[in-house]
C-alpha cells in the first residue's frame, strides 16, 4: 500500500441469527440535580401537619397532612404521602394518597402510585404508573381567566 492510499474493509452483518440478541438495558431516567436550597425530608422522618414554603422540596419519608409550596416538589420512590398537595411542579415517584394540584405540571413516573384527583395544565403519566382518580387539565387560575372574560364583554 502506498502512502495516502486507504485500505477498504467491508464487513457484513447478519440481520438474523440463532443467538438471541443481548437484552437492551432499561432506559435510564436522568434525575436532575436538586437546586440549591432544596429541602430534603429523609427516609426515616415522619411529619404530621402542614408543609409550606417557596423552596424546592424532596420527600423521601412519610408525610400526613397538607403540602403547599410555591416551588417544586419531588416525591421520591420510597416516600409515602397522605396529603393534599399543591406546588409549582409535582413529580411523583413513590406513593401518594390525596389530591394533587400544580401551577405548571404534574408528572407520574413509572414507579408512582397515586390515589386521588390531579389538577394541572400539563400532566405526564409514564407507562407503568398507577393512578386512580380524576384529571382536570383546566386553567391553573380559573378566577383570573373568568375575570378577563367578563371584562372583555
Protein backbone atom coordinates (compact mmCIF):
# COMPACT_ATOMS: atom_id res chain seq x y z
CA UNK A 1 0.00 0.00 0.00
CA UNK A 2 1.35 3.41 -0.96
CA UNK A 3 1.26 6.45 1.33
CA UNK A 4 -2.04 8.30 1.02
CA UNK A 5 -3.95 5.18 -0.01
CA UNK A 6 -6.63 3.70 2.22
CA UNK A 7 -7.42 0.07 2.78
CA UNK A 8 -11.09 -0.66 2.20
CA UNK A 9 -12.51 -3.20 4.64
CA UNK A 10 -16.03 -4.46 4.21
CA UNK A 11 -17.90 -6.24 6.95
CA UNK A 12 -21.26 -7.84 6.57
CA UNK A 13 -23.66 -8.00 9.41
CA UNK A 14 -26.27 -10.69 9.86
CA UNK A 15 -29.77 -9.41 10.37
CA UNK A 16 -30.97 -12.68 11.83
CA UNK A 17 -29.06 -15.17 13.90
CA UNK A 18 -29.67 -18.20 16.07
CA UNK A 19 -28.13 -16.44 19.05
CA UNK A 20 -30.59 -14.27 20.95
CA UNK A 21 -29.77 -10.60 20.90
CA UNK A 22 -28.47 -9.28 24.19
CA UNK A 23 -31.22 -7.67 26.23
CA UNK A 24 -31.21 -3.92 25.99
CA UNK A 25 -30.63 -2.20 29.31
CA UNK A 26 -33.68 -0.42 30.68
CA UNK A 27 -33.82 3.25 29.75
CA UNK A 28 -32.17 5.42 32.37
CA UNK A 29 -34.06 8.36 33.65
CA UNK A 30 -31.78 11.28 34.12
CA UNK A 31 -32.56 12.64 37.55
CA UNK A 32 -31.84 16.34 37.61
CA UNK A 33 -29.59 17.58 40.37
CA UNK A 34 -31.57 19.30 43.11
CA UNK A 35 -31.47 23.06 43.06
CA UNK A 36 -29.51 24.87 45.75
CA UNK A 37 -31.71 25.46 48.76
CA UNK A 38 -33.67 22.24 48.28
CA UNK A 39 -35.24 20.86 51.45
CA UNK A 40 -34.89 17.10 51.96
CA UNK A 41 -37.23 15.13 54.18
CA UNK A 42 -35.28 11.95 54.89
CA UNK A 43 -36.49 8.37 54.64
CA UNK A 44 -36.65 7.93 58.44
CA UNK A 45 -38.67 11.12 59.01
CA UNK A 46 -42.45 11.30 59.54
CA UNK A 47 -44.21 14.65 59.53
CA UNK A 48 -47.85 15.17 60.50
CA UNK A 49 -49.16 18.64 59.73
CA UNK A 50 -48.64 21.28 57.07
CA UNK A 51 -45.55 21.91 54.99
CA UNK A 52 -45.44 25.27 53.22
CA UNK A 53 -42.78 27.43 51.64
CA UNK A 54 -41.12 28.54 48.44
CA UNK A 55 -38.03 26.30 48.28
CA UNK A 56 -37.98 23.05 46.29
CA UNK A 57 -38.75 20.01 48.48
CA UNK A 58 -37.76 16.35 48.11
CA UNK A 59 -39.77 13.92 50.23
CA UNK A 60 -38.17 10.57 50.96
CA UNK A 61 -40.06 9.86 54.20
CA UNK A 62 -43.70 9.93 55.30
CA UNK A 63 -45.96 12.99 55.25
CA UNK A 64 -49.53 13.17 56.58
CA UNK A 65 -51.45 16.44 56.25
CA UNK A 66 -51.01 19.22 53.68
CA UNK A 67 -48.19 20.31 51.41
CA UNK A 68 -48.48 23.80 49.92
CA UNK A 69 -45.42 25.05 48.03
CA UNK A 70 -44.69 27.77 45.52
CA UNK A 71 -41.58 25.81 44.47
CA UNK A 72 -41.23 22.29 43.07
CA UNK A 73 -41.98 19.01 44.86
CA UNK A 74 -40.46 15.58 44.30
CA UNK A 75 -42.00 12.55 46.00
CA UNK A 76 -39.14 10.01 45.94
CA UNK A 77 -39.65 6.28 45.17
CA UNK A 78 -39.85 5.08 48.80
CA UNK A 79 -41.84 8.08 50.06
CA UNK A 80 -45.36 7.74 51.44
CA UNK A 81 -47.53 10.86 51.30
CA UNK A 82 -51.08 11.05 52.66
CA UNK A 83 -51.86 14.68 51.99
CA UNK A 84 -53.45 17.33 49.85
CA UNK A 85 -50.55 18.56 47.72
CA UNK A 86 -50.00 21.77 45.76
CA UNK A 87 -46.76 23.03 44.19
CA UNK A 88 -45.49 24.70 41.05
CA UNK A 89 -44.36 21.33 39.60
CA UNK A 90 -45.02 17.96 41.22
CA UNK A 91 -43.07 14.81 40.31
CA UNK A 92 -44.26 11.59 41.92
CA UNK A 93 -42.07 8.51 42.05
CA UNK A 94 -43.50 6.98 45.26
CA UNK A 95 -46.95 6.54 46.78
CA UNK A 96 -49.32 9.48 47.24
CA UNK A 97 -52.84 9.31 48.62
CA UNK A 98 -54.72 12.59 48.27
CA UNK A 99 -55.47 15.31 45.77
CA UNK A 100 -52.61 16.84 43.78
CA UNK A 101 -52.59 20.22 42.04
CA UNK A 102 -49.83 22.14 40.30
CA UNK A 103 -49.45 25.54 38.71
CA UNK A 104 -47.45 24.13 35.79
CA UNK A 105 -47.10 20.33 35.65
CA UNK A 106 -47.70 17.01 37.42
CA UNK A 107 -45.58 14.02 36.40
CA UNK A 108 -46.17 10.41 37.45
CA UNK A 109 -43.10 8.29 36.70
CA UNK A 110 -43.34 4.52 36.17
CA UNK A 111 -42.99 3.74 39.91
CA UNK A 112 -45.73 6.19 41.00
CA UNK A 113 -48.88 5.05 42.79
CA UNK A 114 -51.47 7.83 43.15
CA UNK A 115 -54.92 7.52 44.67
CA UNK A 116 -56.58 10.93 44.32
CA UNK A 117 -57.51 13.65 41.87
CA UNK A 118 -54.98 15.57 39.78
CA UNK A 119 -55.36 19.15 38.56
CA UNK A 120 -52.70 20.85 36.43
CA UNK A 121 -52.36 22.43 32.97
CA UNK A 122 -49.87 19.68 31.98
CA UNK A 123 -49.99 16.08 33.19
CA UNK A 124 -47.50 13.36 32.25
CA UNK A 125 -48.20 9.73 33.15
CA UNK A 126 -45.42 7.26 32.37
CA UNK A 127 -46.12 3.69 31.35
CA UNK A 128 -46.33 1.58 34.49
CA UNK A 129 -47.55 4.36 36.78
CA UNK A 130 -50.68 3.52 38.79
CA UNK A 131 -53.34 6.19 39.14
CA UNK A 132 -56.91 6.13 40.43
CA UNK A 133 -58.86 9.38 40.38
CA UNK A 134 -59.97 12.21 38.14
CA UNK A 135 -57.88 14.52 35.99
CA UNK A 136 -58.60 18.22 35.42
CA UNK A 137 -56.37 19.97 32.91
CA UNK A 138 -58.25 23.24 33.06
CA UNK A 139 -56.59 26.60 33.51
CA UNK A 140 -54.34 26.84 36.56
CA UNK A 141 -56.04 30.00 37.70
CA UNK A 142 -59.68 29.91 36.57
CA UNK A 143 -60.64 33.05 38.51
CA UNK A 144 -58.21 35.22 36.52
CA UNK A 145 -59.50 33.79 33.23
CA UNK A 146 -63.12 34.36 34.31
CA UNK A 147 -62.36 37.97 35.31
CA UNK A 148 -60.61 38.66 31.99
CA UNK A 149 -63.54 37.20 30.06
CA UNK A 150 -66.14 39.20 32.00
CA UNK A 151 -64.16 42.44 31.49
CA UNK A 152 -63.91 41.82 27.75
CA UNK A 153 -67.71 41.61 27.41
